[in-house]
Amino acid sequence: MAALKRFGLQLLALRIETLAEFECFRDLGFDYFQGYFLSRPRVIKHGASLPPNKIALLRLFAIIHDPLTETREIERAIAADPILSYKLLRLINSAFFNLPRPVTALKDTILLLGRQRLATWCTLLALTQLSDKPAAVFVIALARARMCELLGEATNSIESGDGFIVGLLSALDILLDRPLPQVISPLPLSSEIKQAILGHEGVLGRYLGVVMAYELSRWREIARGGIPAALLTRARLDALDWASSVLQLTANVAPPRIA
């Protein structure tokens, strides 16, 4: 394994079915992982309620993804979560954005990012805040979102931002361990986005279906999607690299722990 790493190769482990297999291949030095273990929600007892932090998270999603929400209300909702506020300000002031001067106010952050990018980054930062999933699961979710976005950019058939949101929110079941309809239905998303996530309908839904099939190496489903194989491969590799970089970035903007 070390010999392969010296050539700068990144290694992908396929058909990961259990936590033990994931931990084994991770410890061996693999970089990327695919398999049912990483895309299957844990079974939760019927009637079990969501923990308070996840309820608060869904409320935040409802506010930031609602196009009718005023900017002032979004600012208040983010400010109500000190950790998220801290992470967002650290993020906007990081080298990733490379701004000419420091930003110290949430209001300025919202104006600089714009509503769609703000919703994307808040969703991303809030999800990683939960931290009860292996990093590989977050990479799967982020790579799915980014791959949908890249396919949209390459084909000009969908809004790339919509592709990202569809991909990211479609992973909420594995991130929150709840059935997807239960999580998505209360959110004030457009019918097009909801139908794409829940039923793989429309162009957005077709792209999402292809991306999810690619995650599980379902080649027949991938072929039916009608997207060139070279484009899919390039988008997948770019998405995995991007997801790993962003996950590292979100870890770096975490608040310091108090001993």
C-alpha atoms as a PDB file:
ATOM      1  CA  MET A   1       0.000   0.000   0.000  1.00  0.00           C
ATOM      2  CA  ALA A   2       2.805   2.402   0.897  1.00  0.00           C
ATOM      3  CA  ALA A   3       4.458   1.697  -2.463  1.00  0.00           C
ATOM      4  CA  LEU A   4       1.292   2.724  -4.305  1.00  0.00           C
ATOM      5  CA  LYS A   5       0.995   5.900  -2.235  1.00  0.00           C
ATOM      6  CA  ARG A   6       4.497   6.940  -3.300  1.00  0.00           C
ATOM      7  CA  PHE A   7       3.176   7.258  -6.854  1.00  0.00           C
ATOM      8  CA  GLY A   8       0.476   9.670  -5.665  1.00  0.00           C
ATOM      9  CA  LEU A   9      -2.303   7.153  -6.295  1.00  0.00           C
ATOM     10  CA  GLN A  10      -5.616   7.460  -4.467  1.00  0.00           C
ATOM     11  CA  LEU A  11      -7.297   4.175  -3.615  1.00  0.00           C
ATOM     12  CA  LEU A  12     -10.987   3.303  -3.827  1.00  0.00           C
ATOM     13  CA  ALA A  13     -12.510   0.432  -1.810  1.00  0.00           C
ATOM     14  CA  LEU A  14     -15.687  -1.037  -3.344  1.00  0.00           C
ATOM     15  CA  ARG A  15     -18.571  -3.079  -1.896  1.00  0.00           C
ATOM     16  CA  ILE A  16     -18.182  -1.871   1.695  1.00  0.00           C
ATOM     17  CA  GLU A  17     -21.022  -3.656   3.496  1.00  0.00           C
ATOM     18  CA  THR A  18     -20.259  -3.257   7.226  1.00  0.00           C
ATOM     19  CA  LEU A  19     -18.692  -0.830   9.681  1.00  0.00           C
ATOM     20  CA  ALA A  20     -15.927  -3.364  10.333  1.00  0.00           C
ATOM     21  CA  GLU A  21     -15.056  -3.503   6.625  1.00  0.00           C
ATOM     22  CA  PHE A  22     -15.035   0.284   6.402  1.00  0.00           C
ATOM     23  CA  GLU A  23     -12.702   0.612   9.403  1.00  0.00           C
ATOM     24  CA  CYS A  24     -10.417  -2.125   8.060  1.00  0.00           C
ATOM     25  CA  PHE A  25      -9.965  -0.524   4.629  1.00  0.00           C
ATOM     26  CA  ARG A  26      -9.671   2.952   6.145  1.00  0.00           C
ATOM     27  CA  ASP A  27      -6.852   1.722   8.408  1.00  0.00           C
ATOM     28  CA  LEU A  28      -5.166   0.116   5.404  1.00  0.00           C
ATOM     29  CA  GLY A  29      -4.921   3.565   3.828  1.00  0.00           C
ATOM     30  CA  PHE A  30      -7.754   3.647   1.286  1.00  0.00           C
ATOM     31  CA  ASP A  31      -8.915   7.146   0.352  1.00  0.00           C
ATOM     32  CA  TYR A  32     -12.440   6.596  -1.002  1.00  0.00           C
ATOM     33  CA  PHE A  33     -15.181   4.107  -0.222  1.00  0.00           C
ATOM     34  CA  GLN A  34     -18.307   2.850  -1.983  1.00  0.00           C
ATOM     35  CA  GLY A  35     -20.915   0.371  -0.825  1.00  0.00           C
ATOM     36  CA  TYR A  36     -24.280  -0.159   0.813  1.00  0.00           C
ATOM     37  CA  PHE A  37     -22.961   0.405   4.341  1.00  0.00           C
ATOM     38  CA  LEU A  38     -22.266   4.039   3.514  1.00  0.00           C
ATOM     39  CA  SER A  39     -25.662   4.708   1.953  1.00  0.00           C
ATOM     40  CA  ARG A  40     -27.990   2.806   4.267  1.00  0.00           C
ATOM     41  CA  PRO A  41     -29.638   4.603   7.209  1.00  0.00           C
ATOM     42  CA  ARG A  42     -29.517   2.935  10.610  1.00  0.00           C
ATOM     43  CA  VAL A  43     -32.810   1.318  11.625  1.00  0.00           C
ATOM     44  CA  ILE A  44     -34.582   3.475  14.209  1.00  0.00           C
ATOM     45  CA  LYS A  45     -37.444   2.185  16.328  1.00  0.00           C
ATOM     46  CA  HIS A  46     -40.861   3.242  15.078  1.00  0.00           C
ATOM     47  CA  GLY A  47     -42.026   6.340  16.904  1.00  0.00           C
ATOM     48  CA  ALA A  48     -38.590   7.270  18.195  1.00  0.00           C
ATOM     49  CA  SER A  49     -38.286  11.043  18.259  1.00  0.00           C
ATOM     50  CA  LEU A  50     -35.485  13.054  16.746  1.00  0.00           C
ATOM     51  CA  PRO A  51     -32.899  14.394  19.192  1.00  0.00           C
ATOM     52  CA  PRO A  52     -33.302  18.125  19.932  1.00  0.00           C
ATOM     53  CA  ASN A  53     -30.185  19.075  17.939  1.00  0.00           C
ATOM     54  CA  LYS A  54     -31.569  17.397  14.805  1.00  0.00           C
ATOM     55  CA  ILE A  55     -34.985  19.029  15.281  1.00  0.00           C
ATOM     56  CA  ALA A  56     -33.228  22.409  15.497  1.00  0.00           C
ATOM     57  CA  LEU A  57     -31.290  21.512  12.375  1.00  0.00           C
ATOM     58  CA  LEU A  58     -34.461  20.815  10.390  1.00  0.00           C
ATOM     59  CA  ARG A  59     -35.976  24.089  11.582  1.00  0.00           C
ATOM     60  CA  LEU A  60     -32.885  25.902  10.349  1.00  0.00           C
ATOM     61  CA  PHE A  61     -33.131  24.112   6.976  1.00  0.00           C
ATOM     62  CA  ALA A  62     -36.762  25.189   6.686  1.00  0.00           C
ATOM     63  CA  ILE A  63     -35.818  28.824   7.246  1.00  0.00           C
ATOM     64  CA  ILE A  64     -32.767  29.072   4.990  1.00  0.00           C
ATOM     65  CA  HIS A  65     -34.285  27.102   2.095  1.00  0.00           C
ATOM     66  CA  ASP A  66     -37.548  29.072   2.090  1.00  0.00           C
ATOM     67  CA  PRO A  67     -37.351  31.697  -0.707  1.00  0.00           C
ATOM     68  CA  LEU A  68     -39.900  33.834   1.157  1.00  0.00           C
ATOM     69  CA  THR A  69     -37.766  34.140   4.290  1.00  0.00           C
ATOM     70  CA  GLU A  70     -36.376  37.636   4.778  1.00  0.00           C
ATOM     71  CA  THR A  71     -32.635  38.121   5.131  1.00  0.00           C
ATOM     72  CA  ARG A  72     -33.068  39.512   8.645  1.00  0.00           C
ATOM     73  CA  GLU A  73     -34.859  36.340   9.753  1.00  0.00           C
ATOM     74  CA  ILE A  74     -32.092  34.163   8.272  1.00  0.00           C
ATOM     75  CA  GLU A  75     -29.522  36.225  10.142  1.00  0.00           C
ATOM     76  CA  ARG A  76     -31.416  35.741  13.418  1.00  0.00           C
ATOM     77  CA  ALA A  77     -31.737  31.989  12.843  1.00  0.00           C
ATOM     78  CA  ILE A  78     -28.000  31.595  12.224  1.00  0.00           C
ATOM     79  CA  ALA A  79     -27.094  33.884  15.134  1.00  0.00           C
ATOM     80  CA  ALA A  80     -29.185  31.663  17.421  1.00  0.00           C
ATOM     81  CA  ASP A  81     -26.646  28.881  16.820  1.00  0.00           C
ATOM     82  CA  PRO A  82     -23.295  30.207  18.139  1.00  0.00           C
ATOM     83  CA  ILE A  83     -21.265  27.283  16.749  1.00  0.00           C
ATOM     84  CA  LEU A  84     -22.746  27.637  13.279  1.00  0.00           C
ATOM     85  CA  SER A  85     -22.190  31.413  13.382  1.00  0.00           C
ATOM     86  CA  TYR A  86     -18.570  30.905  14.374  1.00  0.00           C
ATOM     87  CA  LYS A  87     -17.991  28.335  11.627  1.00  0.00           C
ATOM     88  CA  LEU A  88     -19.624  30.506   8.986  1.00  0.00           C
ATOM     89  CA  LEU A  89     -17.473  33.521   9.860  1.00  0.00           C
ATOM     90  CA  ARG A  90     -14.326  31.380   9.962  1.00  0.00           C
ATOM     91  CA  LEU A  91     -15.272  29.927   6.593  1.00  0.00           C
ATOM     92  CA  ILE A  92     -15.904  33.254   4.840  1.00  0.00           C
ATOM     93  CA  ASN A  93     -12.553  34.527   6.146  1.00  0.00           C
ATOM     94  CA  SER A  94     -10.620  31.419   5.074  1.00  0.00           C
ATOM     95  CA  ALA A  95      -8.256  31.124   2.119  1.00  0.00           C
ATOM     96  CA  PHE A  96     -11.032  29.235   0.325  1.00  0.00           C
ATOM     97  CA  PHE A  97     -12.783  32.572  -0.366  1.00  0.00           C
ATOM     98  CA  ASN A  98      -9.632  34.736  -0.301  1.00  0.00           C
ATOM     99  CA  LEU A  99     -11.434  37.998   0.449  1.00  0.00           C
ATOM    100  CA  PRO A 100      -9.449  41.266   0.410  1.00  0.00           C
ATOM    101  CA  ARG A 101     -10.534  42.216   3.934  1.00  0.00           C
ATOM    102  CA  PRO A 102     -11.898  40.400   7.016  1.00  0.00           C
ATOM    103  CA  VAL A 103     -15.645  39.944   7.463  1.00  0.00           C
ATOM    104  CA  THR A 104     -16.870  40.211  11.046  1.00  0.00           C
ATOM    105  CA  ALA A 105     -20.661  40.470  10.720  1.00  0.00           C
ATOM    106  CA  LEU A 106     -23.168  37.764   9.785  1.00  0.00           C
ATOM    107  CA  LYS A 107     -25.114  40.291   7.727  1.00  0.00           C
ATOM    108  CA  ASP A 108     -22.074  40.941   5.528  1.00  0.00           C
ATOM    109  CA  THR A 109     -21.470  37.193   5.194  1.00  0.00           C
ATOM    110  CA  ILE A 110     -25.031  36.678   3.963  1.00  0.00           C
ATOM    111  CA  LEU A 111     -24.689  39.502   1.419  1.00  0.00           C
ATOM    112  CA  LEU A 112     -21.342  38.213   0.139  1.00  0.00           C
ATOM    113  CA  LEU A 113     -22.455  34.597  -0.250  1.00  0.00           C
ATOM    114  CA  GLY A 114     -25.932  35.244  -1.632  1.00  0.00           C
ATOM    115  CA  ARG A 115     -29.014  33.263  -0.645  1.00  0.00           C
ATOM    116  CA  GLN A 116     -28.293  30.061  -2.553  1.00  0.00           C
ATOM    117  CA  ARG A 117     -24.642  29.685  -1.560  1.00  0.00           C
ATOM    118  CA  LEU A 118     -25.507  30.667   2.011  1.00  0.00           C
ATOM    119  CA  ALA A 119     -28.143  27.910   2.155  1.00  0.00           C
ATOM    120  CA  THR A 120     -25.629  25.434   0.749  1.00  0.00           C
ATOM    121  CA  TRP A 121     -22.836  26.273   3.186  1.00  0.00           C
ATOM    122  CA  CYS A 122     -25.126  26.506   6.222  1.00  0.00           C
ATOM    123  CA  THR A 123     -26.617  23.119   5.381  1.00  0.00           C
ATOM    124  CA  LEU A 124     -23.151  21.679   4.975  1.00  0.00           C
ATOM    125  CA  LEU A 125     -21.729  23.169   8.170  1.00  0.00           C
ATOM    126  CA  ALA A 126     -24.805  22.275  10.212  1.00  0.00           C
ATOM    127  CA  LEU A 127     -24.709  18.657   9.044  1.00  0.00           C
ATOM    128  CA  THR A 128     -21.051  18.227   9.915  1.00  0.00           C
ATOM    129  CA  GLN A 129     -21.829  19.698  13.330  1.00  0.00           C
ATOM    130  CA  LEU A 130     -23.777  16.531  14.184  1.00  0.00           C
ATOM    131  CA  SER A 131     -20.567  14.490  13.837  1.00  0.00           C
ATOM    132  CA  ASP A 132     -22.127  11.096  14.671  1.00  0.00           C
ATOM    133  CA  LYS A 133     -21.270   9.620  11.278  1.00  0.00           C
ATOM    134  CA  PRO A 134     -17.927   8.489   9.854  1.00  0.00           C
ATOM    135  CA  ALA A 135     -16.197  11.098   7.732  1.00  0.00           C
ATOM    136  CA  ALA A 136     -16.633   8.768   4.732  1.00  0.00           C
ATOM    137  CA  VAL A 137     -20.409   9.192   4.958  1.00  0.00           C
ATOM    138  CA  PHE A 138     -20.072  12.968   4.744  1.00  0.00           C
ATOM    139  CA  VAL A 139     -17.756  12.538   1.779  1.00  0.00           C
ATOM    140  CA  ILE A 140     -20.432  10.409   0.064  1.00  0.00           C
ATOM    141  CA  ALA A 141     -23.079  13.097   0.689  1.00  0.00           C
ATOM    142  CA  LEU A 142     -20.850  15.979  -0.438  1.00  0.00           C
ATOM    143  CA  ALA A 143     -19.551  14.103  -3.472  1.00  0.00           C
ATOM    144  CA  ARG A 144     -23.118  13.275  -4.508  1.00  0.00           C
ATOM    145  CA  ALA A 145     -24.072  16.935  -4.274  1.00  0.00           C
ATOM    146  CA  ARG A 146     -20.997  18.127  -6.136  1.00  0.00           C
ATOM    147  CA  MET A 147     -21.348  15.485  -8.862  1.00  0.00           C
ATOM    148  CA  CYS A 148     -24.966  16.536  -9.497  1.00  0.00           C
ATOM    149  CA  GLU A 149     -23.774  20.138  -9.667  1.00  0.00           C
ATOM    150  CA  LEU A 150     -20.956  19.298 -12.114  1.00  0.00           C
ATOM    151  CA  LEU A 151     -23.294  17.363 -14.404  1.00  0.00           C
ATOM    152  CA  GLY A 152     -25.621  20.362 -14.436  1.00  0.00           C
ATOM    153  CA  GLU A 153     -22.769  22.697 -15.336  1.00  0.00           C
ATOM    154  CA  ALA A 154     -21.480  20.377 -18.078  1.00  0.00           C
ATOM    155  CA  THR A 155     -24.830  19.860 -19.786  1.00  0.00           C
ATOM    156  CA  ASN A 156     -26.525  23.239 -19.160  1.00  0.00           C
ATOM    157  CA  SER A 157     -29.785  21.353 -18.685  1.00  0.00           C
ATOM    158  CA  ILE A 158     -30.328  22.229 -15.014  1.00  0.00           C
ATOM    159  CA  GLU A 159     -29.303  24.970 -12.620  1.00  0.00           C
ATOM    160  CA  SER A 160     -26.067  23.704 -11.104  1.00  0.00           C
ATOM    161  CA  GLY A 161     -27.069  25.109  -7.696  1.00  0.00           C
ATOM    162  CA  ASP A 162     -30.289  23.094  -7.820  1.00  0.00           C
ATOM    163  CA  GLY A 163     -28.254  20.008  -8.632  1.00  0.00           C
ATOM    164  CA  PHE A 164     -26.099  20.558  -5.557  1.00  0.00           C
ATOM    165  CA  ILE A 165     -29.058  21.045  -3.224  1.00  0.00           C
ATOM    166  CA  VAL A 166     -30.863  17.984  -4.630  1.00  0.00           C
ATOM    167  CA  GLY A 167     -27.764  15.847  -4.182  1.00  0.00           C
ATOM    168  CA  LEU A 168     -27.040  17.069  -0.659  1.00  0.00           C
ATOM    169  CA  LEU A 169     -30.582  16.876   0.673  1.00  0.00           C
ATOM    170  CA  SER A 170     -31.057  13.408  -0.849  1.00  0.00           C
ATOM    171  CA  ALA A 171     -28.473  12.166   1.669  1.00  0.00           C
ATOM    172  CA  LEU A 172     -30.353  13.429   4.730  1.00  0.00           C
ATOM    173  CA  ASP A 173     -31.753   9.952   5.394  1.00  0.00           C
ATOM    174  CA  ILE A 174     -28.291   8.480   5.970  1.00  0.00           C
ATOM    175  CA  LEU A 175     -27.106  11.568   7.862  1.00  0.00           C
ATOM    176  CA  LEU A 176     -30.137  11.849  10.157  1.00  0.00           C
ATOM    177  CA  ASP A 177     -31.197   8.166  10.222  1.00  0.00           C
ATOM    178  CA  ARG A 178     -34.752   8.943   9.215  1.00  0.00           C
ATOM    179  CA  PRO A 179     -36.833   8.030   6.135  1.00  0.00           C
ATOM    180  CA  LEU A 180     -36.237  10.607   3.416  1.00  0.00           C
ATOM    181  CA  PRO A 181     -39.935  11.594   2.982  1.00  0.00           C
ATOM    182  CA  GLN A 182     -40.164  12.318   6.721  1.00  0.00           C
ATOM    183  CA  VAL A 183     -37.208  14.697   6.504  1.00  0.00           C
ATOM    184  CA  ILE A 184     -37.867  16.318   3.121  1.00  0.00           C
ATOM    185  CA  SER A 185     -41.650  16.773   3.156  1.00  0.00           C
ATOM    186  CA  PRO A 186     -41.749  19.563   5.812  1.00  0.00           C
ATOM    187  CA  LEU A 187     -39.056  21.615   4.054  1.00  0.00           C
ATOM    188  CA  PRO A 188     -40.286  24.541   1.899  1.00  0.00           C
ATOM    189  CA  LEU A 189     -38.613  23.315  -1.286  1.00  0.00           C
ATOM    190  CA  SER A 190     -39.997  23.674  -4.810  1.00  0.00           C
ATOM    191  CA  SER A 191     -42.111  20.778  -6.065  1.00  0.00           C
ATOM    192  CA  GLU A 192     -39.453  20.141  -8.745  1.00  0.00           C
ATOM    193  CA  ILE A 193     -36.728  19.645  -6.148  1.00  0.00           C
ATOM    194  CA  LYS A 194     -38.923  17.539  -3.847  1.00  0.00           C
ATOM    195  CA  GLN A 195     -40.010  15.300  -6.723  1.00  0.00           C
ATOM    196  CA  ALA A 196     -36.402  14.925  -7.855  1.00  0.00           C
ATOM    197  CA  ILE A 197     -35.280  13.870  -4.373  1.00  0.00           C
ATOM    198  CA  LEU A 198     -38.192  11.615  -3.456  1.00  0.00           C
ATOM    199  CA  GLY A 199     -39.124  10.135  -6.841  1.00  0.00           C
ATOM    200  CA  HIS A 200     -36.147  10.846  -9.122  1.00  0.00           C
ATOM    201  CA  GLU A 201     -38.540  12.711 -11.412  1.00  0.00           C
ATOM    202  CA  GLY A 202     -37.590  15.247 -14.078  1.00  0.00           C
ATOM    203  CA  VAL A 203     -34.102  16.071 -15.319  1.00  0.00           C
ATOM    204  CA  LEU A 204     -32.871  16.796 -11.793  1.00  0.00           C
ATOM    205  CA  GLY A 205     -34.185  13.446 -10.628  1.00  0.00           C
ATOM    206  CA  ARG A 206     -32.617  11.605 -13.561  1.00  0.00           C
ATOM    207  CA  TYR A 207     -29.209  13.078 -12.768  1.00  0.00           C
ATOM    208  CA  LEU A 208     -29.609  12.219  -9.090  1.00  0.00           C
ATOM    209  CA  GLY A 209     -30.579   8.649  -9.984  1.00  0.00           C
ATOM    210  CA  VAL A 210     -27.511   8.246 -12.192  1.00  0.00           C
ATOM    211  CA  VAL A 211     -25.209   9.656  -9.516  1.00  0.00           C
ATOM    212  CA  MET A 212     -26.635   7.332  -6.854  1.00  0.00           C
ATOM    213  CA  ALA A 213     -26.350   4.372  -9.242  1.00  0.00           C
ATOM    214  CA  TYR A 214     -22.716   5.320  -9.845  1.00  0.00           C
ATOM    215  CA  GLU A 215     -22.078   5.235  -6.093  1.00  0.00           C
ATOM    216  CA  LEU A 216     -23.222   1.594  -6.033  1.00  0.00           C
ATOM    217  CA  SER A 217     -21.681   0.559  -9.379  1.00  0.00           C
ATOM    218  CA  ARG A 218     -25.085  -0.246 -10.932  1.00  0.00           C
ATOM    219  CA  TRP A 219     -23.884  -0.078 -14.515  1.00  0.00           C
ATOM    220  CA  ARG A 220     -27.176  -0.884 -16.246  1.00  0.00           C
ATOM    221  CA  GLU A 221     -28.946   1.951 -14.440  1.00  0.00           C
ATOM    222  CA  ILE A 222     -26.056   4.254 -15.258  1.00  0.00           C
ATOM    223  CA  ALA A 223     -26.251   3.362 -18.959  1.00  0.00           C
ATOM    224  CA  ARG A 224     -29.997   4.083 -19.026  1.00  0.00           C
ATOM    225  CA  GLY A 225     -29.297   7.617 -17.796  1.00  0.00           C
ATOM    226  CA  GLY A 226     -27.814   8.556 -21.158  1.00  0.00           C
ATOM    227  CA  ILE A 227     -24.896  10.564 -19.750  1.00  0.00           C
ATOM    228  CA  PRO A 228     -21.508   9.964 -21.441  1.00  0.00           C
ATOM    229  CA  ALA A 229     -19.284   7.639 -19.408  1.00  0.00           C
ATOM    230  CA  ALA A 230     -16.261   9.931 -19.705  1.00  0.00           C
ATOM    231  CA  LEU A 231     -18.251  12.844 -18.248  1.00  0.00           C
ATOM    232  CA  LEU A 232     -19.475  10.699 -15.359  1.00  0.00           C
ATOM    233  CA  THR A 233     -15.989   9.434 -14.519  1.00  0.00           C
ATOM    234  CA  ARG A 234     -14.480  12.918 -14.621  1.00  0.00           C
ATOM    235  CA  ALA A 235     -17.324  14.366 -12.535  1.00  0.00           C
ATOM    236  CA  ARG A 236     -17.054  11.562  -9.988  1.00  0.00           C
ATOM    237  CA  LEU A 237     -13.317  11.965  -9.461  1.00  0.00           C
ATOM    238  CA  ASP A 238     -13.575  15.766  -9.292  1.00  0.00           C
ATOM    239  CA  ALA A 239     -16.482  15.475  -6.851  1.00  0.00           C
ATOM    240  CA  LEU A 240     -14.598  13.105  -4.535  1.00  0.00           C
ATOM    241  CA  ASP A 241     -11.560  15.392  -4.475  1.00  0.00           C
ATOM    242  CA  TRP A 242     -13.758  18.429  -3.807  1.00  0.00           C
ATOM    243  CA  ALA A 243     -15.710  16.639  -1.063  1.00  0.00           C
ATOM    244  CA  SER A 244     -12.548  15.582   0.745  1.00  0.00           C
ATOM    245  CA  SER A 245     -11.159  19.135   0.555  1.00  0.00           C
ATOM    246  CA  VAL A 246     -14.394  20.704   1.816  1.00  0.00           C
ATOM    247  CA  LEU A 247     -14.696  18.212   4.670  1.00  0.00           C
ATOM    248  CA  GLN A 248     -11.173  19.128   5.732  1.00  0.00           C
ATOM    249  CA  LEU A 249     -12.060  22.808   5.438  1.00  0.00           C
ATOM    250  CA  THR A 250     -15.153  22.422   7.646  1.00  0.00           C
ATOM    251  CA  ALA A 251     -13.031  20.585  10.218  1.00  0.00           C
ATOM    252  CA  ASN A 252     -10.535  23.439  10.201  1.00  0.00           C
ATOM    253  CA  VAL A 253     -13.215  26.062  10.922  1.00  0.00           C
ATOM    254  CA  ALA A 254     -14.523  24.214  13.977  1.00  0.00           C
ATOM    255  CA  PRO A 255     -14.401  26.205  17.216  1.00  0.00           C
ATOM    256  CA  PRO A 256     -11.534  25.372  19.607  1.00  0.00           C
ATOM    257  CA  ARG A 257     -12.322  22.850  22.323  1.00  0.00           C
ATOM    258  CA  ILE A 258     -12.146  24.040  25.923  1.00  0.00           C
ATOM    259  CA  ALA A 259     -10.212  21.652  28.147  1.00  0.00           C
END
